[in-house]
Amino acid sequence: MNNPNDLISRMAAIEAYLDADPEATFTEILDSVSAVDAAPVINGRWYDKGSLSCRCSCCGCKSNKEYNYCPYCGAKMDGERRNNE
C-alpha cells in the first residue's frame, strides 16, 4: 500500500479507474497510481525593519526588492505586508 499522504494526479486516478478490473476495489485502483513529485507551498510575507530592504517572514533573509517568491527559501509571498513588524 502506498503512503496515504502521497499526492497523485487527478487525471492519472481517472485513467486508472477507467482501465481497472471491474472487481478491483477503490484502494487497489488508487494504489496502482504513482505519486507525483511535489512539495508543499510555504507562504510568507515581506516585512520591514525600517530600512531600504525588507525581510522574509519565513527565513528572515533580506531582499532589496519585494519578489513574488523569496529568492532564498522559495516561500510564496502572498501574505499581507506589514511595516515595522
PDB file of N, CA and C in Angstrom:
ATOM      1  N   MET A   1       0.831  -1.182   0.000  1.00  0.00           N
ATOM      2  CA  MET A   1       0.000   0.000   0.000  1.00  0.00           C
ATOM      3  C   MET A   1       0.875   1.245   0.000  1.00  0.00           C
ATOM      4  N   ASN A   2       0.515   2.226  -0.817  1.00  0.00           N
ATOM      5  CA  ASN A   2       1.237   3.491  -0.863  1.00  0.00           C
ATOM      6  C   ASN A   2       0.954   4.303   0.387  1.00  0.00           C
ATOM      7  N   ASN A   3       1.797   5.286   0.630  1.00  0.00           N
ATOM      8  CA  ASN A   3       1.580   6.204   1.734  1.00  0.00           C
ATOM      9  C   ASN A   3       0.265   6.955   1.488  1.00  0.00           C
ATOM     10  N   PRO A   4      -0.670   6.975   2.430  1.00  0.00           N
ATOM     11  CA  PRO A   4      -1.955   7.640   2.213  1.00  0.00           C
ATOM     12  C   PRO A   4      -1.831   9.146   2.055  1.00  0.00           C
ATOM     13  N   ASN A   5      -0.675   9.725   2.377  1.00  0.00           N
ATOM     14  CA  ASN A   5      -0.470  11.165   2.220  1.00  0.00           C
ATOM     15  C   ASN A   5       0.204  11.529   0.902  1.00  0.00           C
ATOM     16  N   ASP A   6       0.496  10.539   0.056  1.00  0.00           N
ATOM     17  CA  ASP A   6       1.084  10.819  -1.249  1.00  0.00           C
ATOM     18  C   ASP A   6       0.120  11.627  -2.100  1.00  0.00           C
ATOM     19  N   LEU A   7       0.675  12.476  -2.933  1.00  0.00           N
ATOM     20  CA  LEU A   7      -0.134  13.238  -3.881  1.00  0.00           C
ATOM     21  C   LEU A   7      -0.162  12.493  -5.204  1.00  0.00           C
ATOM     22  N   ILE A   8      -1.342  12.419  -5.808  1.00  0.00           N
ATOM     23  CA  ILE A   8      -1.468  11.759  -7.101  1.00  0.00           C
ATOM     24  C   ILE A   8      -2.163  12.691  -8.076  1.00  0.00           C
ATOM     25  N   SER A   9      -1.937  12.457  -9.344  1.00  0.00           N
ATOM     26  CA  SER A   9      -2.577  13.232 -10.393  1.00  0.00           C
ATOM     27  C   SER A   9      -4.041  12.831 -10.524  1.00  0.00           C
ATOM     28  N   ARG A  10      -4.913  13.818 -10.590  1.00  0.00           N
ATOM     29  CA  ARG A  10      -6.343  13.537 -10.762  1.00  0.00           C
ATOM     30  C   ARG A  10      -6.568  12.782 -12.075  1.00  0.00           C
ATOM     31  N   MET A  11      -5.886  13.224 -13.134  1.00  0.00           N
ATOM     32  CA  MET A  11      -6.043  12.564 -14.436  1.00  0.00           C
ATOM     33  C   MET A  11      -5.549  11.120 -14.382  1.00  0.00           C
ATOM     34  N   ALA A  12      -4.434  10.883 -13.707  1.00  0.00           N
ATOM     35  CA  ALA A  12      -3.918   9.516 -13.584  1.00  0.00           C
ATOM     36  C   ALA A  12      -4.889   8.639 -12.805  1.00  0.00           C
ATOM     37  N   ALA A  13      -5.527   9.189 -11.783  1.00  0.00           N
ATOM     38  CA  ALA A  13      -6.505   8.425 -10.996  1.00  0.00           C
ATOM     39  C   ALA A  13      -7.723   8.071 -11.846  1.00  0.00           C
ATOM     40  N   ILE A  14      -8.184   9.016 -12.654  1.00  0.00           N
ATOM     41  CA  ILE A  14      -9.329   8.753 -13.534  1.00  0.00           C
ATOM     42  C   ILE A  14      -8.988   7.681 -14.557  1.00  0.00           C
ATOM     43  N   GLU A  15      -7.798   7.788 -15.148  1.00  0.00           N
ATOM     44  CA  GLU A  15      -7.376   6.786 -16.134  1.00  0.00           C
ATOM     45  C   GLU A  15      -7.250   5.407 -15.483  1.00  0.00           C
ATOM     46  N   ALA A  16      -6.722   5.352 -14.266  1.00  0.00           N
ATOM     47  CA  ALA A  16      -6.596   4.073 -13.559  1.00  0.00           C
ATOM     48  C   ALA A  16      -7.981   3.480 -13.287  1.00  0.00           C
ATOM     49  N   TYR A  17      -8.928   4.330 -12.933  1.00  0.00           N
ATOM     50  CA  TYR A  17     -10.298   3.873 -12.678  1.00  0.00           C
ATOM     51  C   TYR A  17     -10.927   3.322 -13.953  1.00  0.00           C
ATOM     52  N   LEU A  18     -10.754   4.036 -15.059  1.00  0.00           N
ATOM     53  CA  LEU A  18     -11.355   3.600 -16.331  1.00  0.00           C
ATOM     54  C   LEU A  18     -10.718   2.315 -16.863  1.00  0.00           C
ATOM     55  N   ASP A  19      -9.437   2.108 -16.565  1.00  0.00           N
ATOM     56  CA  ASP A  19      -8.719   0.921 -17.044  1.00  0.00           C
ATOM     57  C   ASP A  19      -8.774  -0.246 -16.067  1.00  0.00           C
ATOM     58  N   ALA A  20      -9.329  -0.038 -14.881  1.00  0.00           N
ATOM     59  CA  ALA A  20      -9.276  -1.052 -13.820  1.00  0.00           C
ATOM     60  C   ALA A  20     -10.201  -2.230 -14.080  1.00  0.00           C
ATOM     61  N   ASP A  21      -9.830  -3.332 -13.483  1.00  0.00           N
ATOM     62  CA  ASP A  21     -10.671  -4.532 -13.465  1.00  0.00           C
ATOM     63  C   ASP A  21     -11.962  -4.177 -12.728  1.00  0.00           C
ATOM     64  N   PRO A  22     -13.120  -4.568 -13.235  1.00  0.00           N
ATOM     65  CA  PRO A  22     -14.386  -4.247 -12.561  1.00  0.00           C
ATOM     66  C   PRO A  22     -14.471  -4.771 -11.128  1.00  0.00           C
ATOM     67  N   GLU A  23     -13.685  -5.789 -10.808  1.00  0.00           N
ATOM     68  CA  GLU A  23     -13.693  -6.355  -9.455  1.00  0.00           C
ATOM     69  C   GLU A  23     -12.720  -5.641  -8.512  1.00  0.00           C
ATOM     70  N   ALA A  24     -11.910  -4.717  -9.041  1.00  0.00           N
ATOM     71  CA  ALA A  24     -10.910  -4.025  -8.214  1.00  0.00           C
ATOM     72  C   ALA A  24     -11.588  -3.091  -7.224  1.00  0.00           C
ATOM     73  N   THR A  25     -10.995  -3.012  -6.048  1.00  0.00           N
ATOM     74  CA  THR A  25     -11.520  -2.098  -5.034  1.00  0.00           C
ATOM     75  C   THR A  25     -10.966  -0.699  -5.283  1.00  0.00           C
ATOM     76  N   PHE A  26     -11.604   0.268  -4.660  1.00  0.00           N
ATOM     77  CA  PHE A  26     -11.165   1.655  -4.775  1.00  0.00           C
ATOM     78  C   PHE A  26      -9.713   1.797  -4.327  1.00  0.00           C
ATOM     79  N   THR A  27      -9.360   1.168  -3.215  1.00  0.00           N
ATOM     80  CA  THR A  27      -7.994   1.235  -2.689  1.00  0.00           C
ATOM     81  C   THR A  27      -6.999   0.618  -3.658  1.00  0.00           C
ATOM     82  N   GLU A  28      -7.344  -0.510  -4.261  1.00  0.00           N
ATOM     83  CA  GLU A  28      -6.454  -1.150  -5.233  1.00  0.00           C
ATOM     84  C   GLU A  28      -6.228  -0.248  -6.443  1.00  0.00           C
ATOM     85  N   ILE A  29      -7.277   0.416  -6.873  1.00  0.00           N
ATOM     86  CA  ILE A  29      -7.140   1.317  -8.027  1.00  0.00           C
ATOM     87  C   ILE A  29      -6.215   2.478  -7.679  1.00  0.00           C
ATOM     88  N   LEU A  30      -6.444   3.120  -6.541  1.00  0.00           N
ATOM     89  CA  LEU A  30      -5.603   4.255  -6.164  1.00  0.00           C
ATOM     90  C   LEU A  30      -4.167   3.840  -5.878  1.00  0.00           C
ATOM     91  N   ASP A  31      -3.979   2.633  -5.323  1.00  0.00           N
ATOM     92  CA  ASP A  31      -2.625   2.143  -5.067  1.00  0.00           C
ATOM     93  C   ASP A  31      -1.848   1.901  -6.358  1.00  0.00           C
ATOM     94  N   SER A  32      -2.550   1.714  -7.460  1.00  0.00           N
ATOM     95  CA  SER A  32      -1.868   1.476  -8.735  1.00  0.00           C
ATOM     96  C   SER A  32      -1.353   2.771  -9.362  1.00  0.00           C
ATOM     97  N   VAL A  33      -1.755   3.914  -8.830  1.00  0.00           N
ATOM     98  CA  VAL A  33      -1.340   5.213  -9.378  1.00  0.00           C
ATOM     99  C   VAL A  33      -0.073   5.674  -8.675  1.00  0.00           C
ATOM    100  N   SER A  34       0.925   6.067  -9.452  1.00  0.00           N
ATOM    101  CA  SER A  34       2.189   6.552  -8.885  1.00  0.00           C
ATOM    102  C   SER A  34       2.014   7.948  -8.303  1.00  0.00           C
ATOM    103  N   ALA A  35       2.754   8.206  -7.243  1.00  0.00           N
ATOM    104  CA  ALA A  35       2.718   9.527  -6.613  1.00  0.00           C
ATOM    105  C   ALA A  35       3.452  10.534  -7.493  1.00  0.00           C
ATOM    106  N   VAL A  36       3.014  11.786  -7.428  1.00  0.00           N
ATOM    107  CA  VAL A  36       3.690  12.856  -8.158  1.00  0.00           C
ATOM    108  C   VAL A  36       4.773  13.453  -7.278  1.00  0.00           C
ATOM    109  N   ASP A  37       5.746  14.071  -7.913  1.00  0.00           N
ATOM    110  CA  ASP A  37       6.835  14.716  -7.194  1.00  0.00           C
ATOM    111  C   ASP A  37       6.405  16.157  -6.913  1.00  0.00           C
ATOM    112  N   ALA A  38       6.005  16.441  -5.693  1.00  0.00           N
ATOM    113  CA  ALA A  38       5.524  17.774  -5.334  1.00  0.00           C
ATOM    114  C   ALA A  38       5.973  18.126  -3.929  1.00  0.00           C
ATOM    115  N   ALA A  39       6.086  19.414  -3.689  1.00  0.00           N
ATOM    116  CA  ALA A  39       6.451  19.906  -2.361  1.00  0.00           C
ATOM    117  C   ALA A  39       5.369  20.855  -1.887  1.00  0.00           C
ATOM    118  N   PRO A  40       5.145  20.904  -0.586  1.00  0.00           N
ATOM    119  CA  PRO A  40       4.129  21.834  -0.085  1.00  0.00           C
ATOM    120  C   PRO A  40       4.546  23.286  -0.317  1.00  0.00           C
ATOM    121  N   VAL A  41       3.578  24.153  -0.529  1.00  0.00           N
ATOM    122  CA  VAL A  41       3.842  25.574  -0.712  1.00  0.00           C
ATOM    123  C   VAL A  41       4.010  26.215   0.657  1.00  0.00           C
ATOM    124  N   ILE A  42       5.074  26.981   0.806  1.00  0.00           N
ATOM    125  CA  ILE A  42       5.319  27.725   2.028  1.00  0.00           C
ATOM    126  C   ILE A  42       4.885  29.158   1.764  1.00  0.00           C
ATOM    127  N   ASN A  43       3.994  29.678   2.588  1.00  0.00           N
ATOM    128  CA  ASN A  43       3.501  31.036   2.405  1.00  0.00           C
ATOM    129  C   ASN A  43       4.170  31.968   3.390  1.00  0.00           C
ATOM    130  N   GLY A  44       4.484  33.149   2.920  1.00  0.00           N
ATOM    131  CA  GLY A  44       5.119  34.140   3.772  1.00  0.00           C
ATOM    132  C   GLY A  44       4.733  35.538   3.341  1.00  0.00           C
ATOM    133  N   ARG A  45       5.426  36.514   3.900  1.00  0.00           N
ATOM    134  CA  ARG A  45       5.212  37.902   3.512  1.00  0.00           C
ATOM    135  C   ARG A  45       6.504  38.664   3.764  1.00  0.00           C
ATOM    136  N   TRP A  46       6.622  39.812   3.101  1.00  0.00           N
ATOM    137  CA  TRP A  46       7.755  40.687   3.322  1.00  0.00           C
ATOM    138  C   TRP A  46       7.440  41.619   4.486  1.00  0.00           C
ATOM    139  N   TYR A  47       8.403  41.909   5.306  1.00  0.00           N
ATOM    140  CA  TYR A  47       8.206  42.901   6.363  1.00  0.00           C
ATOM    141  C   TYR A  47       9.444  43.776   6.476  1.00  0.00           C
ATOM    142  N   ASP A  48       9.249  44.991   6.915  1.00  0.00           N
ATOM    143  CA  ASP A  48      10.314  45.994   7.004  1.00  0.00           C
ATOM    144  C   ASP A  48      10.932  46.023   8.390  1.00  0.00           C
ATOM    145  N   LYS A  49      12.154  46.469   8.418  1.00  0.00           N
ATOM    146  CA  LYS A  49      12.829  46.759   9.681  1.00  0.00           C
ATOM    147  C   LYS A  49      13.276  48.226   9.678  1.00  0.00           C
ATOM    148  N   GLY A  50      12.561  49.071   8.906  1.00  0.00           N
ATOM    149  CA  GLY A  50      12.875  50.496   8.852  1.00  0.00           C
ATOM    150  C   GLY A  50      14.038  50.855   7.948  1.00  0.00           C
ATOM    151  N   SER A  51      14.378  50.004   7.005  1.00  0.00           N
ATOM    152  CA  SER A  51      15.472  50.288   6.088  1.00  0.00           C
ATOM    153  C   SER A  51      14.972  50.195   4.647  1.00  0.00           C
ATOM    154  N   LEU A  52      15.877  50.273   3.698  1.00  0.00           N
ATOM    155  CA  LEU A  52      15.506  50.170   2.288  1.00  0.00           C
ATOM    156  C   LEU A  52      15.260  48.734   1.851  1.00  0.00           C
ATOM    157  N   SER A  53      15.616  47.795   2.680  1.00  0.00           N
ATOM    158  CA  SER A  53      15.394  46.391   2.350  1.00  0.00           C
ATOM    159  C   SER A  53      14.216  45.847   3.146  1.00  0.00           C
ATOM    160  N   CYS A  54      13.781  44.671   2.773  1.00  0.00           N
ATOM    161  CA  CYS A  54      12.699  44.007   3.505  1.00  0.00           C
ATOM    162  C   CYS A  54      13.174  42.598   3.858  1.00  0.00           C
ATOM    163  N   ARG A  55      12.453  41.944   4.745  1.00  0.00           N
ATOM    164  CA  ARG A  55      12.823  40.606   5.204  1.00  0.00           C
ATOM    165  C   ARG A  55      11.704  39.616   4.957  1.00  0.00           C
ATOM    166  N   CYS A  56      12.093  38.374   4.706  1.00  0.00           N
ATOM    167  CA  CYS A  56      11.149  37.271   4.519  1.00  0.00           C
ATOM    168  C   CYS A  56      10.664  36.803   5.889  1.00  0.00           C
ATOM    169  N   SER A  57       9.355  36.642   6.031  1.00  0.00           N
ATOM    170  CA  SER A  57       8.808  36.190   7.319  1.00  0.00           C
ATOM    171  C   SER A  57       9.118  34.724   7.592  1.00  0.00           C
ATOM    172  N   CYS A  58       9.553  33.976   6.583  1.00  0.00           N
ATOM    173  CA  CYS A  58       9.856  32.550   6.782  1.00  0.00           C
ATOM    174  C   CYS A  58      11.314  32.302   7.155  1.00  0.00           C
ATOM    175  N   CYS A  59      12.236  32.909   6.406  1.00  0.00           N
ATOM    176  CA  CYS A  59      13.656  32.624   6.666  1.00  0.00           C
ATOM    177  C   CYS A  59      14.414  33.817   7.239  1.00  0.00           C
ATOM    178  N   GLY A  60      13.807  35.008   7.186  1.00  0.00           N
ATOM    179  CA  GLY A  60      14.448  36.189   7.761  1.00  0.00           C
ATOM    180  C   GLY A  60      15.493  36.843   6.889  1.00  0.00           C
ATOM    181  N   CYS A  61      15.748  36.302   5.700  1.00  0.00           N
ATOM    182  CA  CYS A  61      16.765  36.876   4.823  1.00  0.00           C
ATOM    183  C   CYS A  61      16.303  38.210   4.248  1.00  0.00           C
ATOM    184  N   LYS A  62      17.266  39.104   4.025  1.00  0.00           N
ATOM    185  CA  LYS A  62      16.983  40.426   3.476  1.00  0.00           C
ATOM    186  C   LYS A  62      16.908  40.370   1.953  1.00  0.00           C
ATOM    187  N   SER A  63      16.062  41.238   1.418  1.00  0.00           N
ATOM    188  CA  SER A  63      15.963  41.412  -0.030  1.00  0.00           C
ATOM    189  C   SER A  63      15.772  42.896  -0.292  1.00  0.00           C
ATOM    190  N   ASN A  64      16.346  43.395  -1.372  1.00  0.00           N
ATOM    191  CA  ASN A  64      16.178  44.801  -1.694  1.00  0.00           C
ATOM    192  C   ASN A  64      14.960  45.037  -2.593  1.00  0.00           C
ATOM    193  N   LYS A  65      14.236  43.979  -2.897  1.00  0.00           N
ATOM    194  CA  LYS A  65      13.048  44.066  -3.736  1.00  0.00           C
ATOM    195  C   LYS A  65      12.013  43.073  -3.237  1.00  0.00           C
ATOM    196  N   GLU A  66      10.744  43.432  -3.345  1.00  0.00           N
ATOM    197  CA  GLU A  66       9.667  42.529  -2.928  1.00  0.00           C
ATOM    198  C   GLU A  66       9.266  41.629  -4.095  1.00  0.00           C
ATOM    199  N   TYR A  67       9.877  40.468  -4.173  1.00  0.00           N
ATOM    200  CA  TYR A  67       9.568  39.483  -5.211  1.00  0.00           C
ATOM    201  C   TYR A  67       8.294  38.722  -4.843  1.00  0.00           C
ATOM    202  N   ASN A  68       7.718  37.995  -5.807  1.00  0.00           N
ATOM    203  CA  ASN A  68       6.556  37.142  -5.529  1.00  0.00           C
ATOM    204  C   ASN A  68       6.954  35.926  -4.705  1.00  0.00           C
ATOM    205  N   TYR A  69       8.236  35.542  -4.787  1.00  0.00           N
ATOM    206  CA  TYR A  69       8.783  34.417  -4.031  1.00  0.00           C
ATOM    207  C   TYR A  69      10.084  34.867  -3.394  1.00  0.00           C
ATOM    208  N   CYS A  70      10.380  34.365  -2.209  1.00  0.00           N
ATOM    209  CA  CYS A  70      11.654  34.678  -1.572  1.00  0.00           C
ATOM    210  C   CYS A  70      12.776  34.039  -2.383  1.00  0.00           C
ATOM    211  N   PRO A  71      13.790  34.815  -2.801  1.00  0.00           N
ATOM    212  CA  PRO A  71      14.883  34.231  -3.591  1.00  0.00           C
ATOM    213  C   PRO A  71      15.786  33.300  -2.784  1.00  0.00           C
ATOM    214  N   TYR A  72      15.627  33.276  -1.474  1.00  0.00           N
ATOM    215  CA  TYR A  72      16.475  32.443  -0.630  1.00  0.00           C
ATOM    216  C   TYR A  72      15.814  31.121  -0.244  1.00  0.00           C
ATOM    217  N   CYS A  73      14.573  31.191   0.259  1.00  0.00           N
ATOM    218  CA  CYS A  73      13.929  29.954   0.727  1.00  0.00           C
ATOM    219  C   CYS A  73      12.788  29.483  -0.180  1.00  0.00           C
ATOM    220  N   GLY A  74      12.367  30.310  -1.134  1.00  0.00           N
ATOM    221  CA  GLY A  74      11.322  29.918  -2.069  1.00  0.00           C
ATOM    222  C   GLY A  74       9.901  30.116  -1.579  1.00  0.00           C
ATOM    223  N   ALA A  75       9.717  30.747  -0.410  1.00  0.00           N
ATOM    224  CA  ALA A  75       8.371  30.959   0.125  1.00  0.00           C
ATOM    225  C   ALA A  75       7.562  31.839  -0.825  1.00  0.00           C
ATOM    226  N   LYS A  76       6.311  31.493  -1.002  1.00  0.00           N
ATOM    227  CA  LYS A  76       5.405  32.280  -1.839  1.00  0.00           C
ATOM    228  C   LYS A  76       4.921  33.466  -1.021  1.00  0.00           C
ATOM    229  N   MET A  77       5.188  34.654  -1.516  1.00  0.00           N
ATOM    230  CA  MET A  77       4.861  35.869  -0.774  1.00  0.00           C
ATOM    231  C   MET A  77       3.451  36.347  -1.130  1.00  0.00           C
ATOM    232  N   ASP A  78       2.468  35.703  -0.542  1.00  0.00           N
ATOM    233  CA  ASP A  78       1.080  36.089  -0.812  1.00  0.00           C
ATOM    234  C   ASP A  78       0.378  36.552   0.456  1.00  0.00           C
ATOM    235  N   GLY A  79       1.139  36.724   1.526  1.00  0.00           N
ATOM    236  CA  GLY A  79       0.570  37.226   2.774  1.00  0.00           C
ATOM    237  C   GLY A  79       0.589  38.745   2.793  1.00  0.00           C
ATOM    238  N   GLU A  80      -0.030  39.329   3.763  1.00  0.00           N
ATOM    239  CA  GLU A  80      -0.078  40.773   3.894  1.00  0.00           C
ATOM    240  C   GLU A  80       1.268  41.311   4.345  1.00  0.00           C
ATOM    241  N   ARG A  81       1.718  42.380   3.728  1.00  0.00           N
ATOM    242  CA  ARG A  81       2.968  43.012   4.126  1.00  0.00           C
ATOM    243  C   ARG A  81       2.678  43.998   5.246  1.00  0.00           C
ATOM    244  N   ARG A  82       3.460  43.937   6.312  1.00  0.00           N
ATOM    245  CA  ARG A  82       3.266  44.828   7.454  1.00  0.00           C
ATOM    246  C   ARG A  82       4.525  45.636   7.672  1.00  0.00           C
ATOM    247  N   ASN A  83       4.399  46.934   7.826  1.00  0.00           N
ATOM    248  CA  ASN A  83       5.546  47.809   8.051  1.00  0.00           C
ATOM    249  C   ASN A  83       5.966  47.785   9.519  1.00  0.00           C
ATOM    250  N   ASN A  84       7.281  47.860   9.720  1.00  0.00           N
ATOM    251  CA  ASN A  84       7.865  47.929  11.065  1.00  0.00           C
ATOM    252  C   ASN A  84       7.396  46.831  12.001  1.00  0.00           C
ATOM    253  N   GLU A  85       7.335  45.618  11.497  1.00  0.00           N
ATOM    254  CA  GLU A  85       6.898  44.489  12.324  1.00  0.00           C
ATOM    255  C   GLU A  85       8.002  44.065  13.264  1.00  0.00           C
TER     256      GLU A  85
END
